Amino acid sequence: MRNIPNNPSFKLILGSSSMSRRHILAEMGYEFTIMQTADIDEKGIRRENPEELVMVLAEAKADAIISKVQTIDYKNNAEATLLITADQVVVYEGIIREKPCSKEEARQFIKGYSGGHASTVGSVLVTNLKTGTRKGAVDKAEVYFHDIPDEVIENLIEEGVVLNVAGGLLLEHPLTSPFVEAVVGTADSVMGLPKALTEKLIQEAL
């Protein structure tokens, strides 16, 4: 982990309710405040291309948060404030998967991964609220699975956390992780916030 000065020359806002993203950003050594997005209608924003979809959703989340904090004068602050927003989908057999709509859909998703593989496509967008500069990019990874027993799938669904993540795919979950055969890419990318890309975009946005 990099050594970060106690008083970095900018402030960070994470525009996400994702626990995974919070953990990753904290692991990177940053202090940040959390601001959840206004309720945007994600299903109302559609793109055929997964890379375009996650990017336009990250932009919509940023716009929603900026409209909520319009009264705060970031432009005249001495230090910059950076807003990080992100989005992710799972692509399975060419089909885009977002958060499962029901337990049945989550079950269908996870059964499909058993003995197979899925790709994650995620976006990171860093908006400099002082200058208006916006830097974003997309990161991809692939996850290969061993066979996942039905009992494990049922336990995951009953617990319910998988209903809140793209494609019902929670790599770091203690029930899921023993059945991950291989990850092509980085685990933090699959978890929704690739560290190297996020670091690069923060520097570019400054």
Protein backbone atom coordinates (compact mmCIF):
# COMPACT_ATOMS: atom_id res chain seq x y z
CA MET A 1 0.00 0.00 0.00
CA ARG A 2 1.24 3.48 -0.80
CA ASN A 3 2.13 5.90 1.96
CA ILE A 4 -0.45 8.64 1.83
CA PRO A 5 0.09 11.88 3.70
CA ASN A 6 -2.35 12.54 6.54
CA ASN A 7 -3.51 15.68 4.75
CA PRO A 8 -3.69 14.81 1.06
CA SER A 9 -4.24 17.80 -1.19
CA PHE A 10 -7.78 16.72 -2.00
CA LYS A 11 -10.90 15.26 -0.41
CA LEU A 12 -12.62 12.10 -1.60
CA ILE A 13 -16.32 11.24 -1.78
CA LEU A 14 -17.35 7.68 -2.63
CA GLY A 15 -20.70 7.78 -4.37
CA SER A 16 -21.68 4.19 -3.67
CA SER A 17 -23.49 2.07 -1.11
CA SER A 18 -21.33 -0.96 -1.99
CA MET A 19 -19.51 -2.45 1.00
CA SER A 20 -16.92 -4.00 -1.33
CA ARG A 21 -16.02 -0.62 -2.83
CA ARG A 22 -15.75 0.92 0.66
CA HIS A 23 -13.35 -1.82 1.75
CA ILE A 24 -11.20 -1.50 -1.37
CA LEU A 25 -10.91 2.30 -1.14
CA ALA A 26 -9.99 2.01 2.55
CA GLU A 27 -7.40 -0.66 1.68
CA MET A 28 -5.87 1.85 -0.75
CA GLY A 29 -5.21 4.05 2.28
CA TYR A 30 -7.71 6.80 1.56
CA GLU A 31 -10.01 8.54 3.96
CA PHE A 32 -13.31 9.39 2.34
CA THR A 33 -16.91 10.31 2.98
CA ILE A 34 -19.77 8.25 1.60
CA MET A 35 -22.61 9.77 -0.33
CA GLN A 36 -25.15 7.40 -1.78
CA THR A 37 -26.65 8.22 -5.12
CA ALA A 38 -30.07 9.70 -5.49
CA ASP A 39 -32.51 7.06 -6.67
CA ILE A 40 -31.72 6.96 -10.36
CA ASP A 41 -33.77 4.60 -12.48
CA GLU A 42 -30.96 2.29 -13.57
CA LYS A 43 -33.36 0.11 -15.56
CA GLY A 44 -34.45 3.22 -17.46
CA ILE A 45 -30.90 3.63 -18.81
CA ARG A 46 -30.20 1.01 -21.44
CA ARG A 47 -27.28 0.26 -23.77
CA GLU A 48 -26.66 -2.92 -25.78
CA ASN A 49 -22.91 -2.70 -25.16
CA PRO A 50 -21.88 -3.55 -21.56
CA GLU A 51 -18.91 -1.13 -21.61
CA GLU A 52 -21.19 1.73 -22.68
CA LEU A 53 -23.87 0.74 -20.15
CA VAL A 54 -21.59 0.77 -17.09
CA MET A 55 -20.01 4.06 -18.15
CA VAL A 56 -23.31 5.86 -18.73
CA LEU A 57 -24.62 4.55 -15.37
CA ALA A 58 -21.53 5.80 -13.52
CA GLU A 59 -22.07 9.20 -15.16
CA ALA A 60 -25.77 9.20 -14.19
CA LYS A 61 -24.84 8.40 -10.57
CA ALA A 62 -22.30 11.25 -10.54
CA ASP A 63 -24.84 13.68 -12.02
CA ALA A 64 -27.44 12.65 -9.41
CA ILE A 65 -25.02 13.24 -6.53
CA ILE A 66 -23.81 16.57 -7.95
CA SER A 67 -27.42 17.77 -8.24
CA LYS A 68 -27.92 16.86 -4.55
CA VAL A 69 -24.87 18.86 -3.40
CA GLN A 70 -25.28 21.91 -5.66
CA THR A 71 -25.50 24.18 -2.63
CA ILE A 72 -21.94 23.30 -1.54
CA ASP A 73 -19.35 25.57 -3.14
CA TYR A 74 -16.64 23.11 -4.19
CA LYS A 75 -15.23 25.43 -6.87
CA ASN A 76 -13.94 28.00 -4.37
CA ASN A 77 -12.51 25.51 -1.89
CA ALA A 78 -8.73 25.65 -1.50
CA GLU A 79 -8.45 21.91 -2.06
CA ALA A 80 -10.11 19.78 -4.71
CA THR A 81 -12.93 17.38 -3.89
CA LEU A 82 -13.06 14.24 -6.00
CA LEU A 83 -16.23 12.17 -6.42
CA ILE A 84 -15.84 8.49 -7.32
CA THR A 85 -18.79 6.68 -8.89
CA ALA A 86 -18.80 3.22 -10.40
CA ASP A 87 -21.04 0.60 -11.94
CA GLN A 88 -20.69 -3.05 -12.83
CA VAL A 89 -22.47 -5.76 -14.77
CA VAL A 90 -21.78 -9.45 -15.25
CA VAL A 91 -21.74 -10.81 -18.78
CA TYR A 92 -22.71 -14.49 -19.06
CA GLU A 93 -22.93 -16.18 -22.47
CA GLY A 94 -23.15 -12.75 -24.08
CA ILE A 95 -26.06 -11.57 -21.90
CA ILE A 96 -25.76 -8.59 -19.55
CA ARG A 97 -26.74 -9.38 -15.97
CA GLU A 98 -27.47 -6.73 -13.36
CA LYS A 99 -28.74 -7.22 -9.80
CA PRO A 100 -31.12 -10.20 -9.63
CA CYS A 101 -34.81 -9.19 -9.51
CA SER A 102 -35.75 -12.15 -7.31
CA LYS A 103 -34.39 -15.15 -5.41
CA GLU A 104 -35.36 -17.35 -8.37
CA GLU A 105 -33.33 -15.21 -10.78
CA ALA A 106 -30.36 -15.23 -8.38
CA ARG A 107 -30.59 -19.03 -8.19
CA GLN A 108 -30.66 -19.28 -11.99
CA PHE A 109 -27.65 -16.94 -12.28
CA ILE A 110 -25.48 -18.83 -9.77
CA LYS A 111 -26.42 -22.27 -11.12
CA GLY A 112 -25.22 -21.03 -14.50
CA TYR A 113 -21.79 -20.12 -13.11
CA SER A 114 -21.36 -23.59 -11.58
CA GLY A 115 -18.65 -25.36 -13.58
CA GLY A 116 -18.60 -22.43 -15.99
CA HIS A 117 -17.36 -18.87 -16.19
CA ALA A 118 -18.58 -15.30 -16.32
CA SER A 119 -17.05 -11.91 -17.11
CA THR A 120 -17.36 -8.72 -15.10
CA VAL A 121 -17.40 -5.33 -16.81
CA GLY A 122 -17.01 -2.40 -14.46
CA SER A 123 -16.60 1.34 -14.81
CA VAL A 124 -14.89 3.88 -12.56
CA LEU A 125 -15.57 7.60 -12.95
CA VAL A 126 -13.71 10.29 -11.02
CA THR A 127 -15.23 13.79 -11.12
CA ASN A 128 -13.25 16.79 -9.82
CA LEU A 129 -15.97 18.94 -8.24
CA LYS A 130 -13.65 21.96 -8.13
CA THR A 131 -12.68 22.00 -11.82
CA GLY A 132 -15.43 19.91 -13.41
CA THR A 133 -12.82 17.54 -14.90
CA ARG A 134 -14.17 14.02 -15.33
CA LYS A 135 -12.04 10.93 -15.99
CA GLY A 136 -13.49 7.48 -16.50
CA ALA A 137 -12.55 4.06 -17.82
CA VAL A 138 -13.75 0.47 -17.96
CA ASP A 139 -12.09 -2.63 -16.51
CA LYS A 140 -12.88 -6.29 -17.21
CA ALA A 141 -12.15 -9.58 -15.53
CA GLU A 142 -13.18 -13.21 -15.95
CA VAL A 143 -14.06 -15.69 -13.22
CA TYR A 144 -13.94 -19.48 -13.68
CA PHE A 145 -15.84 -21.69 -11.25
CA HIS A 146 -15.71 -25.26 -10.05
CA ASP A 147 -19.09 -26.97 -9.63
CA ILE A 148 -21.07 -25.18 -6.90
CA PRO A 149 -23.23 -27.53 -4.80
CA ASP A 150 -26.97 -26.78 -4.70
CA GLU A 151 -26.82 -26.54 -0.91
CA VAL A 152 -24.27 -23.72 -1.13
CA ILE A 153 -26.40 -21.89 -3.72
CA GLU A 154 -29.47 -22.15 -1.45
CA ASN A 155 -27.50 -20.86 1.55
CA LEU A 156 -26.27 -17.87 -0.49
CA ILE A 157 -29.80 -17.04 -1.62
CA GLU A 158 -31.34 -17.42 1.84
CA GLU A 159 -28.70 -15.09 3.28
CA GLY A 160 -29.72 -12.57 0.62
CA VAL A 161 -26.52 -10.57 0.05
CA VAL A 162 -26.21 -11.88 -3.52
CA LEU A 163 -29.49 -10.15 -4.38
CA ASN A 164 -27.73 -6.78 -4.06
CA VAL A 165 -24.79 -7.39 -6.41
CA ALA A 166 -24.47 -7.50 -10.20
CA GLY A 167 -25.22 -10.94 -11.55
CA GLY A 168 -25.58 -12.31 -8.02
CA LEU A 169 -21.80 -12.77 -8.17
CA LEU A 170 -19.97 -12.23 -4.88
CA LEU A 171 -16.43 -13.49 -5.34
CA GLU A 172 -15.21 -12.68 -1.82
CA HIS A 173 -18.10 -14.36 0.00
CA PRO A 174 -16.85 -17.23 2.22
CA LEU A 175 -19.46 -19.55 0.67
CA THR A 176 -18.43 -18.65 -2.89
CA SER A 177 -14.66 -18.28 -2.68
CA PRO A 178 -13.84 -22.04 -2.27
CA PHE A 179 -15.49 -22.70 -5.65
CA VAL A 180 -13.57 -20.06 -7.61
CA GLU A 181 -11.16 -21.91 -9.88
CA ALA A 182 -9.40 -18.92 -11.41
CA VAL A 183 -9.68 -15.17 -11.95
CA VAL A 184 -8.30 -13.63 -15.14
CA GLY A 185 -7.78 -10.02 -14.11
CA THR A 186 -7.78 -8.75 -10.54
CA ALA A 187 -10.05 -9.69 -7.64
CA ASP A 188 -10.63 -6.00 -6.84
CA SER A 189 -11.93 -5.53 -10.39
CA VAL A 190 -14.45 -8.36 -9.88
CA MET A 191 -15.40 -6.77 -6.53
CA GLY A 192 -16.28 -3.51 -8.28
CA LEU A 193 -13.35 -1.11 -7.81
CA PRO A 194 -10.05 -1.94 -9.55
CA LYS A 195 -7.31 -0.32 -7.45
CA ALA A 196 -4.76 0.46 -10.18
CA LEU A 197 -7.34 2.02 -12.48
CA THR A 198 -8.94 4.03 -9.65
CA GLU A 199 -5.52 5.37 -8.59
CA LYS A 200 -4.71 6.36 -12.19
CA LEU A 201 -8.06 8.17 -12.64
CA ILE A 202 -7.66 10.05 -9.33
CA GLN A 203 -4.27 11.37 -10.49
CA GLU A 204 -5.66 12.29 -13.94
CA ALA A 205 -8.66 14.08 -12.46
CA LEU A 206 -6.38 16.20 -10.26
